[in-house]
Amino acid sequence: MSGMEFRPARKRTAVTLNLTPLIDVLFLFIIFFTLTSTFKRVGELELRLPDSSTAQPAPAGAEALELELVATEDGRLLLEGAPLALPELKSALTRLHAASPERRVLIKAEAGVTHGEVVRLLDIVREAGFPGVGIGTERKGPLTEPPAQP
């Protein structure tokens, strides 16, 4: 036999990876990106309301008593942010009026919505039993005096 000598096998140490600092860094990244990002509210519409120079801001606390009815130029209706079809509007308003009769309806119709559509919405709101209806506008500026007639 040959006289080969083998080295005795050394014991290997087990390598462990500590995940705690990696998880901490991940949470810091999540917090950083959450705080620095901007969020867009879902369902928010960019409405082009008609201008009014005599519009008055709503009194404090009145917004809590208003139901928002939005009519867009492309024919969509939203009641309190929820899309709705015109045939369903009266029954939905009647249910809301029965639940809280002291509330008012604020119609926010875009500038391109026809006068006839707004009148139709006013009729439906009144038929549902709401006594107060408001029209949403954008405040333009002070009212200018018309030129004097000669």
Protein backbone atom coordinates (compact mmCIF):
# COMPACT_ATOMS: atom_id res chain seq x y z
CA MET A 1 0.00 0.00 0.00
CA SER A 2 1.07 3.44 -0.59
CA GLY A 3 1.94 5.64 2.24
CA MET A 4 -0.48 8.49 1.44
CA GLU A 5 -1.60 10.54 4.30
CA PHE A 6 -4.95 12.22 4.16
CA ARG A 7 -5.70 15.28 6.12
CA PRO A 8 -8.51 14.89 8.51
CA ALA A 9 -11.74 16.54 7.29
CA ARG A 10 -12.33 19.91 8.91
CA LYS A 11 -15.67 20.80 10.26
CA ARG A 12 -17.28 23.54 8.24
CA THR A 13 -19.04 26.32 10.06
CA ALA A 14 -22.62 26.88 9.02
CA VAL A 15 -23.21 30.21 7.28
CA THR A 16 -26.35 32.02 8.41
CA LEU A 17 -27.89 35.06 6.89
CA ASN A 18 -29.60 37.42 9.31
CA LEU A 19 -32.67 38.83 7.56
CA THR A 20 -33.66 41.31 10.26
CA PRO A 21 -31.56 44.23 8.95
CA LEU A 22 -32.76 43.55 5.40
CA ILE A 23 -36.39 43.66 6.50
CA ASP A 24 -35.74 46.90 8.39
CA VAL A 25 -34.28 48.49 5.27
CA LEU A 26 -37.24 47.28 3.21
CA PHE A 27 -39.70 48.88 5.64
CA LEU A 28 -37.73 52.12 5.52
CA PHE A 29 -37.97 52.11 1.71
CA ILE A 30 -41.72 51.51 1.89
CA ILE A 31 -42.18 54.35 4.36
CA PHE A 32 -40.02 56.69 2.27
CA PHE A 33 -41.87 56.01 -0.98
CA THR A 34 -45.26 56.22 0.71
CA LEU A 35 -44.50 59.60 2.25
CA THR A 36 -42.93 61.11 -0.86
CA SER A 37 -45.46 59.92 -3.42
CA THR A 38 -48.63 61.76 -4.36
CA PHE A 39 -51.93 60.03 -4.51
CA LYS A 40 -54.83 60.81 -6.77
CA ARG A 41 -58.23 60.24 -5.29
CA VAL A 42 -60.08 57.54 -7.15
CA GLY A 43 -63.11 58.79 -8.95
CA GLU A 44 -62.15 62.43 -8.75
CA LEU A 45 -63.28 64.39 -11.76
CA GLU A 46 -61.84 67.58 -13.17
CA LEU A 47 -65.02 69.57 -13.70
CA ARG A 48 -65.20 72.75 -15.72
CA LEU A 49 -68.04 74.49 -13.91
CA PRO A 50 -69.59 77.62 -15.38
CA ASP A 51 -68.28 80.97 -14.11
CA SER A 52 -70.36 83.26 -11.93
CA SER A 53 -69.41 86.68 -10.65
CA THR A 54 -72.17 86.69 -8.00
CA ALA A 55 -71.56 83.21 -6.57
CA GLN A 56 -71.37 83.07 -2.80
CA PRO A 57 -69.39 80.45 -0.84
CA ALA A 58 -71.46 77.92 1.05
CA PRO A 59 -71.89 78.67 4.75
CA ALA A 60 -69.73 76.73 7.19
CA GLY A 61 -71.17 73.28 7.90
CA ALA A 62 -73.54 73.37 4.91
CA GLU A 63 -71.40 70.89 2.96
CA ALA A 64 -72.30 68.12 5.40
CA LEU A 65 -75.98 68.58 4.50
CA GLU A 66 -75.46 68.62 0.72
CA LEU A 67 -75.81 65.70 -1.66
CA GLU A 68 -73.55 66.17 -4.67
CA LEU A 69 -75.05 65.40 -8.09
CA VAL A 70 -72.50 65.75 -10.90
CA ALA A 71 -73.39 65.92 -14.60
CA THR A 72 -70.50 65.73 -17.07
CA GLU A 73 -70.38 66.88 -20.67
CA ASP A 74 -70.12 63.29 -21.88
CA GLY A 75 -73.47 62.40 -20.27
CA ARG A 76 -72.32 60.69 -17.08
CA LEU A 77 -74.16 61.22 -13.79
CA LEU A 78 -72.57 60.74 -10.37
CA LEU A 79 -74.54 60.89 -7.13
CA GLU A 80 -72.20 61.28 -4.15
CA GLY A 81 -69.36 60.00 -6.36
CA ALA A 82 -71.15 56.82 -7.47
CA PRO A 83 -72.02 56.49 -11.18
CA LEU A 84 -75.72 56.35 -11.88
CA ALA A 85 -78.01 56.13 -14.92
CA LEU A 86 -80.71 58.76 -15.44
CA PRO A 87 -83.64 56.30 -14.99
CA GLU A 88 -82.25 55.24 -11.58
CA LEU A 89 -81.75 58.79 -10.34
CA LYS A 90 -85.24 59.49 -9.00
CA SER A 91 -85.45 56.28 -6.96
CA ALA A 92 -81.97 56.84 -5.51
CA LEU A 93 -82.83 60.43 -4.58
CA THR A 94 -86.15 59.35 -3.06
CA ARG A 95 -84.33 56.82 -0.85
CA LEU A 96 -81.78 59.43 0.24
CA HIS A 97 -84.54 61.96 0.98
CA ALA A 98 -86.42 59.42 3.10
CA ALA A 99 -83.25 58.73 5.09
CA SER A 100 -82.49 62.41 5.77
CA PRO A 101 -85.13 64.91 4.60
CA GLU A 102 -83.19 67.98 5.79
CA ARG A 103 -80.44 67.51 3.20
CA ARG A 104 -80.16 69.61 0.04
CA VAL A 105 -78.93 68.67 -3.41
CA LEU A 106 -76.07 70.53 -5.09
CA ILE A 107 -76.03 70.04 -8.86
CA LYS A 108 -72.57 70.46 -10.36
CA ALA A 109 -73.03 70.50 -14.12
CA GLU A 110 -70.05 71.13 -16.38
CA ALA A 111 -70.14 74.20 -18.57
CA GLY A 112 -70.90 72.12 -21.70
CA VAL A 113 -74.01 70.44 -20.26
CA THR A 114 -77.09 71.80 -21.97
CA HIS A 115 -79.67 73.90 -20.19
CA GLY A 116 -82.30 71.26 -20.91
CA GLU A 117 -80.29 68.57 -19.10
CA VAL A 118 -79.89 70.78 -16.03
CA VAL A 119 -83.64 71.55 -15.99
CA ARG A 120 -84.37 67.81 -16.27
CA LEU A 121 -82.11 67.16 -13.27
CA LEU A 122 -83.81 69.97 -11.31
CA ASP A 123 -87.22 68.41 -12.03
CA ILE A 124 -86.08 64.96 -10.91
CA VAL A 125 -84.60 66.36 -7.69
CA ARG A 126 -87.82 68.25 -6.88
CA GLU A 127 -89.97 65.21 -7.72
CA ALA A 128 -87.90 63.19 -5.24
CA GLY A 129 -89.00 65.61 -2.51
CA PHE A 130 -85.94 67.77 -1.93
CA PRO A 131 -86.97 71.35 -1.15
CA GLY A 132 -83.56 72.93 -1.66
CA VAL A 133 -81.47 72.66 -4.78
CA GLY A 134 -78.23 74.50 -5.48
CA ILE A 135 -76.20 74.93 -8.64
CA GLY A 136 -72.41 74.62 -8.37
CA THR A 137 -70.33 77.31 -10.10
CA GLU A 138 -66.81 78.69 -10.10
CA ARG A 139 -66.35 82.19 -8.72
CA LYS A 140 -65.07 84.41 -11.52
CA GLY A 141 -64.45 87.85 -10.13
CA PRO A 142 -66.32 90.94 -9.10
CA LEU A 143 -69.35 91.88 -11.11
CA THR A 144 -68.52 94.65 -13.56
CA GLU A 145 -70.97 97.41 -14.24
CA PRO A 146 -72.48 97.46 -17.73
CA PRO A 147 -71.56 100.49 -19.81
CA ALA A 148 -73.89 103.47 -19.41
CA GLN A 149 -76.49 103.87 -22.12
CA PRO A 150 -76.39 107.23 -23.98
